[in-house]
Amino acid sequence: MSQNYKFKSLEIAKASQKKEIDETKNDDFKVYEIGESKTIDFVLLDETRQNFPYSHYLTSWLGVESEERVIKIFFATHMVTVKGFCLDKLYESLLLQELKILKENSERYLKYGYSETPFILSIIIKWKKDK
């Protein structure tokens, strides 16, 4: 005869590992980071990154274009267009100049339901050309 024993220490270890995996998954969907910073770093889907100093920040605009929520951020040399959902919090952080990172995510992650948290579908960075 054999018996199966359940050790409490093994259950605790498994629960801890599961929690770490869940936290990692949540970090994958994090589209912004706030805190004290002198720059804003934009991260595109292909992991291309570009940052701009707040000293070059001119103004920003929050609105709707083609039925999509949009933030347009105007810098001295570039205009950045951010499209997504629930962008109000990001706009407020931009006003306070505490936005550090904005990260673009794939539409496939929308199935997880982002009804109250910001979600960025696209970031478009354009150079302002002299005319």
C-alpha atoms as a PDB file:
ATOM      1  CA  MET A   1       0.000   0.000   0.000  1.00  0.00           C
ATOM      2  CA  SER A   2       1.169   3.453  -0.778  1.00  0.00           C
ATOM      3  CA  GLN A   3      -0.179   6.789   0.266  1.00  0.00           C
ATOM      4  CA  ASN A   4       0.116  10.157  -1.349  1.00  0.00           C
ATOM      5  CA  TYR A   5       1.261  12.844   1.027  1.00  0.00           C
ATOM      6  CA  LYS A   6       0.640  16.514   0.450  1.00  0.00           C
ATOM      7  CA  PHE A   7       3.385  18.622   1.896  1.00  0.00           C
ATOM      8  CA  LYS A   8       2.437  22.175   2.825  1.00  0.00           C
ATOM      9  CA  SER A   9       5.874  23.497   1.805  1.00  0.00           C
ATOM     10  CA  LEU A  10       5.435  22.177  -1.761  1.00  0.00           C
ATOM     11  CA  GLU A  11       2.017  23.807  -2.053  1.00  0.00           C
ATOM     12  CA  ILE A  12       3.441  27.142  -0.885  1.00  0.00           C
ATOM     13  CA  ALA A  13       6.301  26.909  -3.398  1.00  0.00           C
ATOM     14  CA  LYS A  14       3.917  26.124  -6.272  1.00  0.00           C
ATOM     15  CA  ALA A  15       1.641  29.038  -5.296  1.00  0.00           C
ATOM     16  CA  SER A  16       4.644  31.370  -5.203  1.00  0.00           C
ATOM     17  CA  GLN A  17       5.782  30.263  -8.682  1.00  0.00           C
ATOM     18  CA  LYS A  18       2.278  30.743 -10.080  1.00  0.00           C
ATOM     19  CA  LYS A  19       2.132  34.262  -8.614  1.00  0.00           C
ATOM     20  CA  GLU A  20       5.483  35.149 -10.244  1.00  0.00           C
ATOM     21  CA  ILE A  21       4.242  33.894 -13.625  1.00  0.00           C
ATOM     22  CA  ASP A  22       0.993  35.901 -13.300  1.00  0.00           C
ATOM     23  CA  GLU A  23       2.951  39.069 -12.424  1.00  0.00           C
ATOM     24  CA  THR A  24       5.165  38.562 -15.474  1.00  0.00           C
ATOM     25  CA  LYS A  25       2.101  38.263 -17.708  1.00  0.00           C
ATOM     26  CA  ASN A  26       0.707  41.516 -16.327  1.00  0.00           C
ATOM     27  CA  ASP A  27       3.989  43.315 -17.085  1.00  0.00           C
ATOM     28  CA  ASP A  28       3.710  42.262 -20.736  1.00  0.00           C
ATOM     29  CA  PHE A  29       0.498  44.287 -21.051  1.00  0.00           C
ATOM     30  CA  LYS A  30       1.753  47.353 -19.214  1.00  0.00           C
ATOM     31  CA  VAL A  31       1.595  50.153 -21.763  1.00  0.00           C
ATOM     32  CA  TYR A  32       2.903  53.036 -19.689  1.00  0.00           C
ATOM     33  CA  GLU A  33       5.063  53.939 -16.728  1.00  0.00           C
ATOM     34  CA  ILE A  34       4.881  57.102 -14.673  1.00  0.00           C
ATOM     35  CA  GLY A  35       7.384  58.694 -12.345  1.00  0.00           C
ATOM     36  CA  GLU A  36       9.926  61.443 -12.207  1.00  0.00           C
ATOM     37  CA  SER A  37      11.663  61.706 -15.557  1.00  0.00           C
ATOM     38  CA  LYS A  38      13.130  64.311 -17.888  1.00  0.00           C
ATOM     39  CA  THR A  39      12.177  62.335 -21.001  1.00  0.00           C
ATOM     40  CA  ILE A  40       9.361  60.310 -22.541  1.00  0.00           C
ATOM     41  CA  ASP A  41      10.410  56.995 -24.075  1.00  0.00           C
ATOM     42  CA  PHE A  42       8.213  55.570 -26.854  1.00  0.00           C
ATOM     43  CA  VAL A  43       8.492  51.800 -27.458  1.00  0.00           C
ATOM     44  CA  LEU A  44       7.103  50.392 -30.715  1.00  0.00           C
ATOM     45  CA  LEU A  45       5.988  46.808 -31.392  1.00  0.00           C
ATOM     46  CA  ASP A  46       9.303  45.903 -33.029  1.00  0.00           C
ATOM     47  CA  GLU A  47      11.090  47.143 -29.860  1.00  0.00           C
ATOM     48  CA  THR A  48      12.306  50.272 -31.670  1.00  0.00           C
ATOM     49  CA  ARG A  49      12.592  53.061 -29.104  1.00  0.00           C
ATOM     50  CA  GLN A  50      12.794  56.813 -29.292  1.00  0.00           C
ATOM     51  CA  ASN A  51      12.774  59.315 -26.465  1.00  0.00           C
ATOM     52  CA  PHE A  52      12.120  63.028 -26.286  1.00  0.00           C
ATOM     53  CA  PRO A  53      13.067  65.420 -23.495  1.00  0.00           C
ATOM     54  CA  TYR A  54      10.284  67.334 -21.773  1.00  0.00           C
ATOM     55  CA  SER A  55      12.275  70.484 -22.554  1.00  0.00           C
ATOM     56  CA  HIS A  56      11.215  69.956 -26.222  1.00  0.00           C
ATOM     57  CA  TYR A  57       7.555  69.308 -25.305  1.00  0.00           C
ATOM     58  CA  LEU A  58       5.274  72.036 -26.700  1.00  0.00           C
ATOM     59  CA  THR A  59       1.669  70.911 -26.316  1.00  0.00           C
ATOM     60  CA  SER A  60      -0.624  67.911 -26.616  1.00  0.00           C
ATOM     61  CA  TRP A  61      -4.140  67.229 -27.821  1.00  0.00           C
ATOM     62  CA  LEU A  62      -6.633  64.527 -26.737  1.00  0.00           C
ATOM     63  CA  GLY A  63      -9.577  63.773 -28.992  1.00  0.00           C
ATOM     64  CA  VAL A  64     -11.188  61.441 -31.494  1.00  0.00           C
ATOM     65  CA  GLU A  65     -10.081  60.822 -35.084  1.00  0.00           C
ATOM     66  CA  SER A  66     -11.834  58.281 -37.321  1.00  0.00           C
ATOM     67  CA  GLU A  67     -13.727  56.990 -34.272  1.00  0.00           C
ATOM     68  CA  GLU A  68     -10.459  56.260 -32.417  1.00  0.00           C
ATOM     69  CA  ARG A  69      -9.177  57.938 -29.258  1.00  0.00           C
ATOM     70  CA  VAL A  70      -6.000  59.857 -30.066  1.00  0.00           C
ATOM     71  CA  ILE A  71      -3.356  61.852 -28.227  1.00  0.00           C
ATOM     72  CA  LYS A  72      -1.174  64.070 -30.396  1.00  0.00           C
ATOM     73  CA  ILE A  73       2.019  65.152 -28.665  1.00  0.00           C
ATOM     74  CA  PHE A  74       3.900  68.052 -30.240  1.00  0.00           C
ATOM     75  CA  PHE A  75       7.625  68.369 -29.664  1.00  0.00           C
ATOM     76  CA  ALA A  76       9.992  70.957 -31.157  1.00  0.00           C
ATOM     77  CA  THR A  77      11.057  68.632 -33.993  1.00  0.00           C
ATOM     78  CA  HIS A  78       8.511  65.778 -34.022  1.00  0.00           C
ATOM     79  CA  MET A  79       4.830  64.995 -33.637  1.00  0.00           C
ATOM     80  CA  VAL A  80       3.851  61.754 -31.923  1.00  0.00           C
ATOM     81  CA  THR A  81       0.374  60.295 -32.468  1.00  0.00           C
ATOM     82  CA  VAL A  82      -0.821  57.738 -29.914  1.00  0.00           C
ATOM     83  CA  LYS A  83      -3.985  55.735 -30.698  1.00  0.00           C
ATOM     84  CA  GLY A  84      -5.760  53.451 -28.268  1.00  0.00           C
ATOM     85  CA  PHE A  85      -8.314  53.138 -25.493  1.00  0.00           C
ATOM     86  CA  CYS A  86      -8.772  54.850 -22.116  1.00  0.00           C
ATOM     87  CA  LEU A  87      -6.123  57.453 -22.885  1.00  0.00           C
ATOM     88  CA  ASP A  88      -7.378  60.028 -20.359  1.00  0.00           C
ATOM     89  CA  LYS A  89      -5.004  58.855 -17.617  1.00  0.00           C
ATOM     90  CA  LEU A  90      -2.048  59.033 -20.006  1.00  0.00           C
ATOM     91  CA  TYR A  91      -3.029  62.557 -21.027  1.00  0.00           C
ATOM     92  CA  GLU A  92      -3.246  63.657 -17.382  1.00  0.00           C
ATOM     93  CA  SER A  93       0.203  62.167 -16.701  1.00  0.00           C
ATOM     94  CA  LEU A  94       1.531  64.004 -19.735  1.00  0.00           C
ATOM     95  CA  LEU A  95       0.157  67.301 -18.404  1.00  0.00           C
ATOM     96  CA  LEU A  96       1.971  66.707 -15.119  1.00  0.00           C
ATOM     97  CA  GLN A  97       5.124  65.751 -17.055  1.00  0.00           C
ATOM     98  CA  GLU A  98       5.414  62.470 -15.159  1.00  0.00           C
ATOM     99  CA  LEU A  99       4.933  60.096 -18.092  1.00  0.00           C
ATOM    100  CA  LYS A 100       8.143  58.057 -18.565  1.00  0.00           C
ATOM    101  CA  ILE A 101       7.323  55.248 -21.010  1.00  0.00           C
ATOM    102  CA  LEU A 102       4.589  54.586 -23.577  1.00  0.00           C
ATOM    103  CA  LYS A 103       4.551  51.128 -25.122  1.00  0.00           C
ATOM    104  CA  GLU A 104       2.639  50.001 -28.194  1.00  0.00           C
ATOM    105  CA  ASN A 105       0.821  46.634 -27.965  1.00  0.00           C
ATOM    106  CA  SER A 106      -0.692  44.255 -30.474  1.00  0.00           C
ATOM    107  CA  GLU A 107      -4.461  44.186 -31.025  1.00  0.00           C
ATOM    108  CA  ARG A 108      -4.496  40.479 -30.159  1.00  0.00           C
ATOM    109  CA  TYR A 109      -4.224  41.413 -26.476  1.00  0.00           C
ATOM    110  CA  LEU A 110      -7.552  43.255 -26.633  1.00  0.00           C
ATOM    111  CA  LYS A 111      -9.365  39.962 -26.037  1.00  0.00           C
ATOM    112  CA  TYR A 112      -8.285  40.163 -22.387  1.00  0.00           C
ATOM    113  CA  GLY A 113     -10.584  43.165 -21.936  1.00  0.00           C
ATOM    114  CA  TYR A 114      -9.141  46.575 -21.232  1.00  0.00           C
ATOM    115  CA  SER A 115     -12.204  48.567 -20.332  1.00  0.00           C
ATOM    116  CA  GLU A 116     -10.680  50.790 -17.639  1.00  0.00           C
ATOM    117  CA  THR A 117      -6.928  50.684 -18.162  1.00  0.00           C
ATOM    118  CA  PRO A 118      -5.060  52.484 -20.955  1.00  0.00           C
ATOM    119  CA  PHE A 119      -4.189  50.407 -24.001  1.00  0.00           C
ATOM    120  CA  ILE A 120      -2.074  51.695 -26.906  1.00  0.00           C
ATOM    121  CA  LEU A 121      -2.726  50.285 -30.365  1.00  0.00           C
ATOM    122  CA  SER A 122      -0.250  52.413 -32.286  1.00  0.00           C
ATOM    123  CA  ILE A 123       2.424  55.054 -31.879  1.00  0.00           C
ATOM    124  CA  ILE A 124       3.359  57.093 -34.943  1.00  0.00           C
ATOM    125  CA  ILE A 125       6.428  59.340 -34.744  1.00  0.00           C
ATOM    126  CA  LYS A 126       6.812  61.927 -37.521  1.00  0.00           C
ATOM    127  CA  TRP A 127       9.574  64.435 -38.156  1.00  0.00           C
ATOM    128  CA  LYS A 128       8.270  67.974 -38.657  1.00  0.00           C
ATOM    129  CA  LYS A 129       9.625  69.056 -42.032  1.00  0.00           C
ATOM    130  CA  ASP A 130      10.443  72.676 -42.763  1.00  0.00           C
ATOM    131  CA  LYS A 131       8.307  73.995 -45.588  1.00  0.00           C
END
